[in-house]
Amino acid sequence: MSNLFDFVNDINYKKENILTEDNESKYVPYVVNKSLSYFIDTIFQANEMNVRHSVDKRLQFDFLLNSVRSKKRFSKWVKPEKLESVEVIKEYYGYSDDKAKDVASILSHHDINKIKDKLDKGGAK
């Protein structure tokens, strides 16, 4: 049973060619390319596969498997930063992320602190 990161590990350092007809549906080229784009030595191969996104999954995997040098690579996935003020505005006004970000740029720290006080439910923090 192969999961998505088994494919990434196979491309990066195992080089065992684990892609079969049974698990081909689990191979997601976008995520594999994104994981390879974090490294300077694999960014060009990931970009080539992004440019040729319509190519068959098997061909994409084979290209990456044979063109990426064997090396242990690990990086944490970049996640969007959550701003406390945006979360407070979302809860108070019921806004979406985008609308709350727009409002956060308008409100002062004093206004946001007032909203926090109104939302305070008490209890131990």
PDB file of N, CA and C in Angstrom:
ATOM      1  N   MET A   1       0.845  -1.171   0.000  1.00  0.00           N
ATOM      2  CA  MET A   1       0.000   0.000   0.000  1.00  0.00           C
ATOM      3  C   MET A   1       0.893   1.239   0.000  1.00  0.00           C
ATOM      4  N   SER A   2       0.880   1.987  -1.045  1.00  0.00           N
ATOM      5  CA  SER A   2       1.717   3.178  -1.163  1.00  0.00           C
ATOM      6  C   SER A   2       0.891   4.410  -0.881  1.00  0.00           C
ATOM      7  N   ASN A   3       1.468   5.307  -0.109  1.00  0.00           N
ATOM      8  CA  ASN A   3       0.817   6.599   0.059  1.00  0.00           C
ATOM      9  C   ASN A   3       1.599   7.636  -0.732  1.00  0.00           C
ATOM     10  N   LEU A   4       1.126   8.842  -0.722  1.00  0.00           N
ATOM     11  CA  LEU A   4       1.696   9.889  -1.561  1.00  0.00           C
ATOM     12  C   LEU A   4       3.175  10.126  -1.267  1.00  0.00           C
ATOM     13  N   PHE A   5       3.548  10.112  -0.002  1.00  0.00           N
ATOM     14  CA  PHE A   5       4.926  10.422   0.343  1.00  0.00           C
ATOM     15  C   PHE A   5       5.870   9.252   0.077  1.00  0.00           C
ATOM     16  N   ASP A   6       5.317   8.068  -0.106  1.00  0.00           N
ATOM     17  CA  ASP A   6       6.168   6.955  -0.565  1.00  0.00           C
ATOM     18  C   ASP A   6       6.681   7.239  -1.976  1.00  0.00           C
ATOM     19  N   PHE A   7       5.842   7.853  -2.798  1.00  0.00           N
ATOM     20  CA  PHE A   7       6.278   8.217  -4.153  1.00  0.00           C
ATOM     21  C   PHE A   7       7.394   9.258  -4.094  1.00  0.00           C
ATOM     22  N   VAL A   8       7.239  10.234  -3.218  1.00  0.00           N
ATOM     23  CA  VAL A   8       8.262  11.283  -3.079  1.00  0.00           C
ATOM     24  C   VAL A   8       9.564  10.665  -2.585  1.00  0.00           C
ATOM     25  N   ASN A   9       9.477   9.785  -1.595  1.00  0.00           N
ATOM     26  CA  ASN A   9      10.683   9.113  -1.087  1.00  0.00           C
ATOM     27  C   ASN A   9      11.327   8.241  -2.152  1.00  0.00           C
ATOM     28  N   ASP A  10      10.520   7.598  -2.959  1.00  0.00           N
ATOM     29  CA  ASP A  10      11.052   6.762  -4.038  1.00  0.00           C
ATOM     30  C   ASP A  10      11.799   7.605  -5.059  1.00  0.00           C
ATOM     31  N   ILE A  11      11.244   8.743  -5.401  1.00  0.00           N
ATOM     32  CA  ILE A  11      11.900   9.650  -6.356  1.00  0.00           C
ATOM     33  C   ILE A  11      13.187  10.212  -5.764  1.00  0.00           C
ATOM     34  N   ASN A  12      13.149  10.588  -4.492  1.00  0.00           N
ATOM     35  CA  ASN A  12      14.293  11.245  -3.864  1.00  0.00           C
ATOM     36  C   ASN A  12      15.465  10.308  -3.586  1.00  0.00           C
ATOM     37  N   TYR A  13      15.218   9.152  -2.982  1.00  0.00           N
ATOM     38  CA  TYR A  13      16.390   8.345  -2.619  1.00  0.00           C
ATOM     39  C   TYR A  13      16.229   6.840  -2.730  1.00  0.00           C
ATOM     40  N   LYS A  14      15.050   6.297  -2.698  1.00  0.00           N
ATOM     41  CA  LYS A  14      14.929   4.836  -2.757  1.00  0.00           C
ATOM     42  C   LYS A  14      15.172   4.281  -4.162  1.00  0.00           C
ATOM     43  N   LYS A  15      14.586   4.932  -5.172  1.00  0.00           N
ATOM     44  CA  LYS A  15      14.762   4.549  -6.577  1.00  0.00           C
ATOM     45  C   LYS A  15      14.313   3.113  -6.847  1.00  0.00           C
ATOM     46  N   GLU A  16      13.151   2.723  -6.292  1.00  0.00           N
ATOM     47  CA  GLU A  16      12.649   1.358  -6.476  1.00  0.00           C
ATOM     48  C   GLU A  16      11.517   1.258  -7.491  1.00  0.00           C
ATOM     49  N   ASN A  17      11.022   2.340  -7.999  1.00  0.00           N
ATOM     50  CA  ASN A  17       9.927   2.377  -8.972  1.00  0.00           C
ATOM     51  C   ASN A  17       8.690   1.643  -8.457  1.00  0.00           C
ATOM     52  N   ILE A  18       8.046   2.238  -7.471  1.00  0.00           N
ATOM     53  CA  ILE A  18       6.896   1.621  -6.816  1.00  0.00           C
ATOM     54  C   ILE A  18       5.568   1.931  -7.513  1.00  0.00           C
ATOM     55  N   LEU A  19       5.593   2.724  -8.565  1.00  0.00           N
ATOM     56  CA  LEU A  19       4.352   3.068  -9.263  1.00  0.00           C
ATOM     57  C   LEU A  19       3.881   1.884 -10.109  1.00  0.00           C
ATOM     58  N   THR A  20       2.687   1.383  -9.775  1.00  0.00           N
ATOM     59  CA  THR A  20       2.081   0.279 -10.513  1.00  0.00           C
ATOM     60  C   THR A  20       0.700   0.714 -10.987  1.00  0.00           C
ATOM     61  N   GLU A  21       0.067  -0.135 -11.760  1.00  0.00           N
ATOM     62  CA  GLU A  21      -1.287   0.180 -12.224  1.00  0.00           C
ATOM     63  C   GLU A  21      -2.264   0.244 -11.061  1.00  0.00           C
ATOM     64  N   ASP A  22      -2.004  -0.535 -10.009  1.00  0.00           N
ATOM     65  CA  ASP A  22      -2.890  -0.559  -8.844  1.00  0.00           C
ATOM     66  C   ASP A  22      -2.840   0.729  -8.031  1.00  0.00           C
ATOM     67  N   ASN A  23      -1.662   1.324  -7.884  1.00  0.00           N
ATOM     68  CA  ASN A  23      -1.544   2.514  -7.041  1.00  0.00           C
ATOM     69  C   ASN A  23      -1.331   3.803  -7.841  1.00  0.00           C
ATOM     70  N   GLU A  24      -1.495   3.751  -9.150  1.00  0.00           N
ATOM     71  CA  GLU A  24      -1.291   4.939  -9.984  1.00  0.00           C
ATOM     72  C   GLU A  24      -2.284   6.049  -9.642  1.00  0.00           C
ATOM     73  N   SER A  25      -3.467   5.678  -9.187  1.00  0.00           N
ATOM     74  CA  SER A  25      -4.472   6.688  -8.834  1.00  0.00           C
ATOM     75  C   SER A  25      -4.069   7.473  -7.593  1.00  0.00           C
ATOM     76  N   LYS A  26      -3.198   6.917  -6.765  1.00  0.00           N
ATOM     77  CA  LYS A  26      -2.736   7.619  -5.556  1.00  0.00           C
ATOM     78  C   LYS A  26      -1.618   8.610  -5.839  1.00  0.00           C
ATOM     79  N   TYR A  27      -1.034   8.531  -7.001  1.00  0.00           N
ATOM     80  CA  TYR A  27       0.042   9.449  -7.379  1.00  0.00           C
ATOM     81  C   TYR A  27      -0.573  10.769  -7.828  1.00  0.00           C
ATOM     82  N   VAL A  28      -0.266  11.841  -7.083  1.00  0.00           N
ATOM     83  CA  VAL A  28      -0.795  13.177  -7.387  1.00  0.00           C
ATOM     84  C   VAL A  28       0.390  14.048  -7.821  1.00  0.00           C
ATOM     85  N   PRO A  29       0.536  14.285  -9.123  1.00  0.00           N
ATOM     86  CA  PRO A  29       1.700  15.020  -9.617  1.00  0.00           C
ATOM     87  C   PRO A  29       1.867  16.399  -8.985  1.00  0.00           C
ATOM     88  N   TYR A  30       0.767  17.119  -8.752  1.00  0.00           N
ATOM     89  CA  TYR A  30       0.876  18.462  -8.182  1.00  0.00           C
ATOM     90  C   TYR A  30       1.578  18.435  -6.823  1.00  0.00           C
ATOM     91  N   VAL A  31       1.184  17.511  -5.966  1.00  0.00           N
ATOM     92  CA  VAL A  31       1.764  17.452  -4.624  1.00  0.00           C
ATOM     93  C   VAL A  31       3.220  16.987  -4.678  1.00  0.00           C
ATOM     94  N   VAL A  32       3.509  16.035  -5.544  1.00  0.00           N
ATOM     95  CA  VAL A  32       4.888  15.567  -5.690  1.00  0.00           C
ATOM     96  C   VAL A  32       5.771  16.704  -6.203  1.00  0.00           C
ATOM     97  N   ASN A  33       5.288  17.441  -7.194  1.00  0.00           N
ATOM     98  CA  ASN A  33       6.060  18.568  -7.728  1.00  0.00           C
ATOM     99  C   ASN A  33       6.252  19.651  -6.680  1.00  0.00           C
ATOM    100  N   LYS A  34       5.217  19.886  -5.882  1.00  0.00           N
ATOM    101  CA  LYS A  34       5.330  20.892  -4.824  1.00  0.00           C
ATOM    102  C   LYS A  34       6.383  20.486  -3.801  1.00  0.00           C
ATOM    103  N   SER A  35       6.403  19.201  -3.436  1.00  0.00           N
ATOM    104  CA  SER A  35       7.395  18.755  -2.456  1.00  0.00           C
ATOM    105  C   SER A  35       8.811  18.836  -3.017  1.00  0.00           C
ATOM    106  N   LEU A  36       8.978  18.622  -4.321  1.00  0.00           N
ATOM    107  CA  LEU A  36      10.307  18.732  -4.930  1.00  0.00           C
ATOM    108  C   LEU A  36      10.724  20.181  -5.154  1.00  0.00           C
ATOM    109  N   SER A  37       9.768  21.088  -5.196  1.00  0.00           N
ATOM    110  CA  SER A  37      10.090  22.490  -5.474  1.00  0.00           C
ATOM    111  C   SER A  37      10.750  23.201  -4.291  1.00  0.00           C
ATOM    112  N   TYR A  38      10.796  22.571  -3.126  1.00  0.00           N
ATOM    113  CA  TYR A  38      11.431  23.183  -1.964  1.00  0.00           C
ATOM    114  C   TYR A  38      12.961  23.102  -2.008  1.00  0.00           C
ATOM    115  N   PHE A  39      13.514  22.366  -2.952  1.00  0.00           N
ATOM    116  CA  PHE A  39      14.955  22.135  -2.964  1.00  0.00           C
ATOM    117  C   PHE A  39      15.575  22.679  -4.241  1.00  0.00           C
ATOM    118  N   ILE A  40      16.720  23.288  -4.109  1.00  0.00           N
ATOM    119  CA  ILE A  40      17.384  23.947  -5.219  1.00  0.00           C
ATOM    120  C   ILE A  40      17.798  22.948  -6.300  1.00  0.00           C
ATOM    121  N   ASP A  41      18.126  21.721  -5.912  1.00  0.00           N
ATOM    122  CA  ASP A  41      18.581  20.751  -6.905  1.00  0.00           C
ATOM    123  C   ASP A  41      17.446  20.006  -7.607  1.00  0.00           C
ATOM    124  N   THR A  42      16.190  20.195  -7.184  1.00  0.00           N
ATOM    125  CA  THR A  42      15.075  19.515  -7.843  1.00  0.00           C
ATOM    126  C   THR A  42      14.010  20.477  -8.369  1.00  0.00           C
ATOM    127  N   ILE A  43      14.237  21.749  -8.185  1.00  0.00           N
ATOM    128  CA  ILE A  43      13.209  22.726  -8.583  1.00  0.00           C
ATOM    129  C   ILE A  43      12.993  22.750 -10.094  1.00  0.00           C
ATOM    130  N   PHE A  44      14.050  22.543 -10.866  1.00  0.00           N
ATOM    131  CA  PHE A  44      13.901  22.579 -12.322  1.00  0.00           C
ATOM    132  C   PHE A  44      13.120  21.367 -12.841  1.00  0.00           C
ATOM    133  N   GLN A  45      13.347  20.207 -12.246  1.00  0.00           N
ATOM    134  CA  GLN A  45      12.589  19.028 -12.656  1.00  0.00           C
ATOM    135  C   GLN A  45      11.104  19.202 -12.295  1.00  0.00           C
ATOM    136  N   ALA A  46      10.841  19.747 -11.105  1.00  0.00           N
ATOM    137  CA  ALA A  46       9.452  19.989 -10.694  1.00  0.00           C
ATOM    138  C   ALA A  46       8.791  20.990 -11.634  1.00  0.00           C
ATOM    139  N   ASN A  47       9.521  22.015 -12.029  1.00  0.00           N
ATOM    140  CA  ASN A  47       8.972  23.012 -12.942  1.00  0.00           C
ATOM    141  C   ASN A  47       8.686  22.405 -14.316  1.00  0.00           C
ATOM    142  N   GLU A  48       9.571  21.537 -14.790  1.00  0.00           N
ATOM    143  CA  GLU A  48       9.332  20.874 -16.075  1.00  0.00           C
ATOM    144  C   GLU A  48       8.035  20.082 -16.048  1.00  0.00           C
ATOM    145  N   MET A  49       7.782  19.410 -14.928  1.00  0.00           N
ATOM    146  CA  MET A  49       6.547  18.622 -14.831  1.00  0.00           C
ATOM    147  C   MET A  49       5.323  19.531 -14.653  1.00  0.00           C
ATOM    148  N   ASN A  50       5.506  20.689 -14.045  1.00  0.00           N
ATOM    149  CA  ASN A  50       4.401  21.646 -13.951  1.00  0.00           C
ATOM    150  C   ASN A  50       4.059  22.210 -15.325  1.00  0.00           C
ATOM    151  N   VAL A  51       5.077  22.461 -16.127  1.00  0.00           N
ATOM    152  CA  VAL A  51       4.844  22.972 -17.472  1.00  0.00           C
ATOM    153  C   VAL A  51       4.150  21.913 -18.318  1.00  0.00           C
ATOM    154  N   ARG A  52       4.525  20.657 -18.111  1.00  0.00           N
ATOM    155  CA  ARG A  52       3.950  19.554 -18.890  1.00  0.00           C
ATOM    156  C   ARG A  52       2.958  18.755 -18.047  1.00  0.00           C
ATOM    157  N   HIS A  53       2.037  19.455 -17.417  1.00  0.00           N
ATOM    158  CA  HIS A  53       1.075  18.820 -16.511  1.00  0.00           C
ATOM    159  C   HIS A  53       0.133  17.845 -17.201  1.00  0.00           C
ATOM    160  N   SER A  54      -0.012  17.954 -18.503  1.00  0.00           N
ATOM    161  CA  SER A  54      -0.937  17.073 -19.221  1.00  0.00           C
ATOM    162  C   SER A  54      -0.320  15.717 -19.573  1.00  0.00           C
ATOM    163  N   VAL A  55       0.962  15.551 -19.309  1.00  0.00           N
ATOM    164  CA  VAL A  55       1.643  14.294 -19.605  1.00  0.00           C
ATOM    165  C   VAL A  55       1.130  13.215 -18.641  1.00  0.00           C
ATOM    166  N   ASP A  56       1.079  11.995 -19.109  1.00  0.00           N
ATOM    167  CA  ASP A  56       0.614  10.858 -18.327  1.00  0.00           C
ATOM    168  C   ASP A  56       1.374  10.761 -16.996  1.00  0.00           C
ATOM    169  N   LYS A  57       0.683  10.324 -15.940  1.00  0.00           N
ATOM    170  CA  LYS A  57       1.293  10.212 -14.604  1.00  0.00           C
ATOM    171  C   LYS A  57       2.510   9.295 -14.618  1.00  0.00           C
ATOM    172  N   ARG A  58       2.419   8.206 -15.335  1.00  0.00           N
ATOM    173  CA  ARG A  58       3.527   7.255 -15.405  1.00  0.00           C
ATOM    174  C   ARG A  58       4.771   7.908 -15.995  1.00  0.00           C
ATOM    175  N   LEU A  59       4.594   8.699 -17.055  1.00  0.00           N
ATOM    176  CA  LEU A  59       5.734   9.379 -17.681  1.00  0.00           C
ATOM    177  C   LEU A  59       6.319  10.441 -16.760  1.00  0.00           C
ATOM    178  N   GLN A  60       5.459  11.166 -16.046  1.00  0.00           N
ATOM    179  CA  GLN A  60       5.957  12.163 -15.094  1.00  0.00           C
ATOM    180  C   GLN A  60       6.781  11.495 -14.000  1.00  0.00           C
ATOM    181  N   PHE A  61       6.236  10.429 -13.442  1.00  0.00           N
ATOM    182  CA  PHE A  61       6.950   9.711 -12.386  1.00  0.00           C
ATOM    183  C   PHE A  61       8.280   9.167 -12.886  1.00  0.00           C
ATOM    184  N   ASP A  62       8.279   8.550 -14.048  1.00  0.00           N
ATOM    185  CA  ASP A  62       9.519   8.003 -14.611  1.00  0.00           C
ATOM    186  C   ASP A  62      10.554   9.099 -14.857  1.00  0.00           C
ATOM    187  N   PHE A  63      10.112  10.244 -15.361  1.00  0.00           N
ATOM    188  CA  PHE A  63      11.042  11.353 -15.581  1.00  0.00           C
ATOM    189  C   PHE A  63      11.687  11.776 -14.268  1.00  0.00           C
ATOM    190  N   LEU A  64      10.865  11.967 -13.248  1.00  0.00           N
ATOM    191  CA  LEU A  64      11.400  12.411 -11.956  1.00  0.00           C
ATOM    192  C   LEU A  64      12.285  11.336 -11.329  1.00  0.00           C
ATOM    193  N   LEU A  65      11.852  10.096 -11.416  1.00  0.00           N
ATOM    194  CA  LEU A  65      12.621   8.995 -10.831  1.00  0.00           C
ATOM    195  C   LEU A  65      14.017   8.908 -11.443  1.00  0.00           C
ATOM    196  N   ASN A  66      14.112   9.145 -12.738  1.00  0.00           N
ATOM    197  CA  ASN A  66      15.391   8.985 -13.426  1.00  0.00           C
ATOM    198  C   ASN A  66      16.210  10.261 -13.546  1.00  0.00           C
ATOM    199  N   SER A  67      15.625  11.417 -13.276  1.00  0.00           N
ATOM    200  CA  SER A  67      16.392  12.657 -13.419  1.00  0.00           C
ATOM    201  C   SER A  67      16.793  13.279 -12.085  1.00  0.00           C
ATOM    202  N   VAL A  68      16.134  12.915 -10.996  1.00  0.00           N
ATOM    203  CA  VAL A  68      16.477  13.465  -9.675  1.00  0.00           C
ATOM    204  C   VAL A  68      17.555  12.588  -9.065  1.00  0.00           C
ATOM    205  N   ARG A  69      18.624  13.221  -8.620  1.00  0.00           N
ATOM    206  CA  ARG A  69      19.711  12.482  -7.989  1.00  0.00           C
ATOM    207  C   ARG A  69      19.273  11.955  -6.629  1.00  0.00           C
ATOM    208  N   SER A  70      19.788  10.818  -6.262  1.00  0.00           N
ATOM    209  CA  SER A  70      19.441  10.186  -5.011  1.00  0.00           C
ATOM    210  C   SER A  70      20.025  10.979  -3.835  1.00  0.00           C
ATOM    211  N   LYS A  71      19.137  11.412  -2.952  1.00  0.00           N
ATOM    212  CA  LYS A  71      19.560  12.208  -1.800  1.00  0.00           C
ATOM    213  C   LYS A  71      18.380  12.278  -0.835  1.00  0.00           C
ATOM    214  N   LYS A  72      18.667  12.233   0.462  1.00  0.00           N
ATOM    215  CA  LYS A  72      17.607  12.401   1.454  1.00  0.00           C
ATOM    216  C   LYS A  72      17.230  13.872   1.494  1.00  0.00           C
ATOM    217  N   ARG A  73      15.948  14.146   1.276  1.00  0.00           N
ATOM    218  CA  ARG A  73      15.451  15.520   1.300  1.00  0.00           C
ATOM    219  C   ARG A  73      14.232  15.575   2.204  1.00  0.00           C
ATOM    220  N   PHE A  74      14.204  16.566   3.060  1.00  0.00           N
ATOM    221  CA  PHE A  74      13.044  16.760   3.926  1.00  0.00           C
ATOM    222  C   PHE A  74      12.871  18.244   4.181  1.00  0.00           C
ATOM    223  N   SER A  75      11.649  18.699   4.089  1.00  0.00           N
ATOM    224  CA  SER A  75      11.330  20.076   4.475  1.00  0.00           C
ATOM    225  C   SER A  75       9.906  20.107   4.988  1.00  0.00           C
ATOM    226  N   LYS A  76       9.648  21.010   5.883  1.00  0.00           N
ATOM    227  CA  LYS A  76       8.295  21.184   6.386  1.00  0.00           C
ATOM    228  C   LYS A  76       7.487  21.931   5.340  1.00  0.00           C
ATOM    229  N   TRP A  77       6.221  21.576   5.217  1.00  0.00           N
ATOM    230  CA  TRP A  77       5.333  22.240   4.280  1.00  0.00           C
ATOM    231  C   TRP A  77       5.036  23.641   4.787  1.00  0.00           C
ATOM    232  N   VAL A  78       5.105  24.594   3.897  1.00  0.00           N
ATOM    233  CA  VAL A  78       4.797  25.975   4.244  1.00  0.00           C
ATOM    234  C   VAL A  78       3.282  26.100   4.402  1.00  0.00           C
ATOM    235  N   LYS A  79       2.887  26.614   5.552  1.00  0.00           N
ATOM    236  CA  LYS A  79       1.467  26.798   5.819  1.00  0.00           C
ATOM    237  C   LYS A  79       1.194  28.286   5.962  1.00  0.00           C
ATOM    238  N   PRO A  80       0.006  28.711   5.564  1.00  0.00           N
ATOM    239  CA  PRO A  80      -0.307  30.132   5.683  1.00  0.00           C
ATOM    240  C   PRO A  80      -0.318  30.561   7.150  1.00  0.00           C
ATOM    241  N   GLU A  81       0.174  31.756   7.371  1.00  0.00           N
ATOM    242  CA  GLU A  81       0.251  32.302   8.717  1.00  0.00           C
ATOM    243  C   GLU A  81      -1.134  32.783   9.151  1.00  0.00           C
ATOM    244  N   LYS A  82      -1.544  32.373  10.345  1.00  0.00           N
ATOM    245  CA  LYS A  82      -2.831  32.822  10.862  1.00  0.00           C
ATOM    246  C   LYS A  82      -2.589  34.006  11.786  1.00  0.00           C
ATOM    247  N   LEU A  83      -3.231  35.103  11.484  1.00  0.00           N
ATOM    248  CA  LEU A  83      -3.116  36.293  12.302  1.00  0.00           C
ATOM    249  C   LEU A  83      -4.236  36.304  13.331  1.00  0.00           C
ATOM    250  N   GLU A  84      -3.882  36.613  14.564  1.00  0.00           N
ATOM    251  CA  GLU A  84      -4.872  36.619  15.643  1.00  0.00           C
ATOM    252  C   GLU A  84      -5.956  37.652  15.380  1.00  0.00           C
ATOM    253  N   SER A  85      -5.566  38.814  14.855  1.00  0.00           N
ATOM    254  CA  SER A  85      -6.551  39.869  14.607  1.00  0.00           C
ATOM    255  C   SER A  85      -7.569  39.425  13.557  1.00  0.00           C
ATOM    256  N   VAL A  86      -7.120  38.696  12.545  1.00  0.00           N
ATOM    257  CA  VAL A  86      -8.030  38.208  11.496  1.00  0.00           C
ATOM    258  C   VAL A  86      -9.008  37.201  12.087  1.00  0.00           C
ATOM    259  N   GLU A  87      -8.515  36.316  12.950  1.00  0.00           N
ATOM    260  CA  GLU A  87      -9.385  35.326  13.581  1.00  0.00           C
ATOM    261  C   GLU A  87     -10.439  35.997  14.456  1.00  0.00           C
ATOM    262  N   VAL A  88     -10.040  37.044  15.164  1.00  0.00           N
ATOM    263  CA  VAL A  88     -10.978  37.777  16.026  1.00  0.00           C
ATOM    264  C   VAL A  88     -12.051  38.449  15.177  1.00  0.00           C
ATOM    265  N   ILE A  89     -11.647  39.072  14.089  1.00  0.00           N
ATOM    266  CA  ILE A  89     -12.598  39.759  13.200  1.00  0.00           C
ATOM    267  C   ILE A  89     -13.553  38.749  12.564  1.00  0.00           C
ATOM    268  N   LYS A  90     -13.039  37.595  12.168  1.00  0.00           N
ATOM    269  CA  LYS A  90     -13.892  36.560  11.586  1.00  0.00           C
ATOM    270  C   LYS A  90     -14.960  36.111  12.581  1.00  0.00           C
ATOM    271  N   GLU A  91     -14.557  35.917  13.824  1.00  0.00           N
ATOM    272  CA  GLU A  91     -15.506  35.452  14.837  1.00  0.00           C
ATOM    273  C   GLU A  91     -16.530  36.536  15.180  1.00  0.00           C
ATOM    274  N   TYR A  92     -16.088  37.768  15.293  1.00  0.00           N
ATOM    275  CA  TYR A  92     -16.970  38.851  15.727  1.00  0.00           C
ATOM    276  C   TYR A  92     -17.983  39.228  14.638  1.00  0.00           C
ATOM    277  N   TYR A  93     -17.513  39.395  13.407  1.00  0.00           N
ATOM    278  CA  TYR A  93     -18.383  39.843  12.326  1.00  0.00           C
ATOM    279  C   TYR A  93     -18.936  38.694  11.468  1.00  0.00           C
ATOM    280  N   GLY A  94     -18.349  37.498  11.586  1.00  0.00           N
ATOM    281  CA  GLY A  94     -18.782  36.380  10.757  1.00  0.00           C
ATOM    282  C   GLY A  94     -18.289  36.501   9.319  1.00  0.00           C
ATOM    283  N   TYR A  95     -17.142  37.152   9.138  1.00  0.00           N
ATOM    284  CA  TYR A  95     -16.591  37.369   7.805  1.00  0.00           C
ATOM    285  C   TYR A  95     -15.767  36.174   7.343  1.00  0.00           C
ATOM    286  N   SER A  96     -15.521  36.120   6.045  1.00  0.00           N
ATOM    287  CA  SER A  96     -14.619  35.120   5.466  1.00  0.00           C
ATOM    288  C   SER A  96     -13.176  35.573   5.693  1.00  0.00           C
ATOM    289  N   ASP A  97     -12.218  34.701   5.334  1.00  0.00           N
ATOM    290  CA  ASP A  97     -10.802  35.039   5.500  1.00  0.00           C
ATOM    291  C   ASP A  97     -10.427  36.308   4.734  1.00  0.00           C
ATOM    292  N   ASP A  98     -10.826  36.368   3.471  1.00  0.00           N
ATOM    293  CA  ASP A  98     -10.446  37.516   2.638  1.00  0.00           C
ATOM    294  C   ASP A  98     -11.037  38.817   3.160  1.00  0.00           C
ATOM    295  N   LYS A  99     -12.308  38.789   3.501  1.00  0.00           N
ATOM    296  CA  LYS A  99     -12.968  39.999   3.992  1.00  0.00           C
ATOM    297  C   LYS A  99     -12.374  40.417   5.339  1.00  0.00           C
ATOM    298  N   ALA A 100     -12.074  39.453   6.201  1.00  0.00           N
ATOM    299  CA  ALA A 100     -11.485  39.764   7.503  1.00  0.00           C
ATOM    300  C   ALA A 100     -10.093  40.379   7.342  1.00  0.00           C
ATOM    301  N   LYS A 101      -9.331  39.920   6.359  1.00  0.00           N
ATOM    302  CA  LYS A 101      -8.003  40.506   6.115  1.00  0.00           C
ATOM    303  C   LYS A 101      -8.129  41.952   5.647  1.00  0.00           C
ATOM    304  N   ASP A 102      -9.127  42.211   4.811  1.00  0.00           N
ATOM    305  CA  ASP A 102      -9.357  43.585   4.364  1.00  0.00           C
ATOM    306  C   ASP A 102      -9.729  44.493   5.540  1.00  0.00           C
ATOM    307  N   VAL A 103     -10.597  44.000   6.411  1.00  0.00           N
ATOM    308  CA  VAL A 103     -11.034  44.793   7.559  1.00  0.00           C
ATOM    309  C   VAL A 103      -9.893  44.994   8.543  1.00  0.00           C
ATOM    310  N   ALA A 104      -9.022  43.974   8.702  1.00  0.00           N
ATOM    311  CA  ALA A 104      -7.897  44.071   9.635  1.00  0.00           C
ATOM    312  C   ALA A 104      -6.943  45.198   9.248  1.00  0.00           C
ATOM    313  N   SER A 105      -6.833  45.469   7.960  1.00  0.00           N
ATOM    314  CA  SER A 105      -5.941  46.549   7.524  1.00  0.00           C
ATOM    315  C   SER A 105      -6.535  47.925   7.842  1.00  0.00           C
ATOM    316  N   ILE A 106      -7.836  47.973   8.064  1.00  0.00           N
ATOM    317  CA  ILE A 106      -8.511  49.248   8.355  1.00  0.00           C
ATOM    318  C   ILE A 106      -8.551  49.533   9.852  1.00  0.00           C
ATOM    319  N   LEU A 107      -8.779  48.492  10.658  1.00  0.00           N
ATOM    320  CA  LEU A 107      -8.941  48.666  12.101  1.00  0.00           C
ATOM    321  C   LEU A 107      -7.603  48.918  12.785  1.00  0.00           C
ATOM    322  N   SER A 108      -7.645  49.696  13.858  1.00  0.00           N
ATOM    323  CA  SER A 108      -6.446  49.957  14.659  1.00  0.00           C
ATOM    324  C   SER A 108      -6.310  48.858  15.717  1.00  0.00           C
ATOM    325  N   HIS A 109      -5.158  48.844  16.387  1.00  0.00           N
ATOM    326  CA  HIS A 109      -4.936  47.875  17.462  1.00  0.00           C
ATOM    327  C   HIS A 109      -5.936  48.106  18.589  1.00  0.00           C
ATOM    328  N   HIS A 110      -6.268  49.354  18.827  1.00  0.00           N
ATOM    329  CA  HIS A 110      -7.243  49.701  19.869  1.00  0.00           C
ATOM    330  C   HIS A 110      -8.609  49.100  19.532  1.00  0.00           C
ATOM    331  N   ASP A 111      -9.037  49.200  18.275  1.00  0.00           N
ATOM    332  CA  ASP A 111     -10.320  48.626  17.839  1.00  0.00           C
ATOM    333  C   ASP A 111     -10.324  47.103  17.992  1.00  0.00           C
ATOM    334  N   ILE A 112      -9.235  46.480  17.627  1.00  0.00           N
ATOM    335  CA  ILE A 112      -9.147  45.021  17.722  1.00  0.00           C
ATOM    336  C   ILE A 112      -9.166  44.579  19.180  1.00  0.00           C
ATOM    337  N   ASN A 113      -8.505  45.334  20.050  1.00  0.00           N
ATOM    338  CA  ASN A 113      -8.531  45.003  21.474  1.00  0.00           C
ATOM    339  C   ASN A 113      -9.938  45.139  22.045  1.00  0.00           C
ATOM    340  N   LYS A 114     -10.713  46.128  21.578  1.00  0.00           N
ATOM    341  CA  LYS A 114     -12.107  46.270  22.009  1.00  0.00           C
ATOM    342  C   LYS A 114     -12.920  45.051  21.592  1.00  0.00           C
ATOM    343  N   ILE A 115     -12.700  44.602  20.368  1.00  0.00           N
ATOM    344  CA  ILE A 115     -13.411  43.421  19.873  1.00  0.00           C
ATOM    345  C   ILE A 115     -13.034  42.188  20.701  1.00  0.00           C
ATOM    346  N   LYS A 116     -11.737  42.063  21.032  1.00  0.00           N
ATOM    347  CA  LYS A 116     -11.295  40.937  21.860  1.00  0.00           C
ATOM    348  C   LYS A 116     -11.981  40.954  23.211  1.00  0.00           C
ATOM    349  N   ASP A 117     -12.117  42.153  23.793  1.00  0.00           N
ATOM    350  CA  ASP A 117     -12.785  42.273  25.093  1.00  0.00           C
ATOM    351  C   ASP A 117     -14.243  41.847  25.005  1.00  0.00           C
ATOM    352  N   LYS A 118     -14.909  42.223  23.911  1.00  0.00           N
ATOM    353  CA  LYS A 118     -16.321  41.869  23.736  1.00  0.00           C
ATOM    354  C   LYS A 118     -16.475  40.364  23.535  1.00  0.00           C
ATOM    355  N   LEU A 119     -15.501  39.725  22.931  1.00  0.00           N
ATOM    356  CA  LEU A 119     -15.566  38.293  22.675  1.00  0.00           C
ATOM    357  C   LEU A 119     -15.104  37.465  23.871  1.00  0.00           C
ATOM    358  N   ASP A 120     -14.512  38.107  24.875  1.00  0.00           N
ATOM    359  CA  ASP A 120     -13.978  37.386  26.036  1.00  0.00           C
ATOM    360  C   ASP A 120     -15.111  36.669  26.766  1.00  0.00           C
ATOM    361  N   LYS A 121     -14.982  35.382  26.904  1.00  0.00           N
ATOM    362  CA  LYS A 121     -16.011  34.567  27.529  1.00  0.00           C
ATOM    363  C   LYS A 121     -15.705  34.280  28.984  1.00  0.00           C
ATOM    364  N   GLY A 122     -14.583  34.771  29.459  1.00  0.00           N
ATOM    365  CA  GLY A 122     -14.195  34.543  30.853  1.00  0.00           C
ATOM    366  C   GLY A 122     -13.524  33.185  31.028  1.00  0.00           C
ATOM    367  N   GLY A 123     -13.253  32.853  32.263  1.00  0.00           N
ATOM    368  CA  GLY A 123     -12.615  31.573  32.551  1.00  0.00           C
ATOM    369  C   GLY A 123     -11.100  31.677  32.553  1.00  0.00           C
ATOM    370  N   ALA A 124     -10.454  30.591  32.867  1.00  0.00           N
ATOM    371  CA  ALA A 124      -8.995  30.552  32.908  1.00  0.00           C
ATOM    372  C   ALA A 124      -8.447  30.520  31.485  1.00  0.00           C
ATOM    373  N   LYS A 125      -7.326  31.200  31.287  1.00  0.00           N
ATOM    374  CA  LYS A 125      -6.726  31.242  29.947  1.00  0.00           C
ATOM    375  C   LYS A 125      -5.466  30.450  29.917  1.00  0.00           C
TER     376      LYS A 125
END
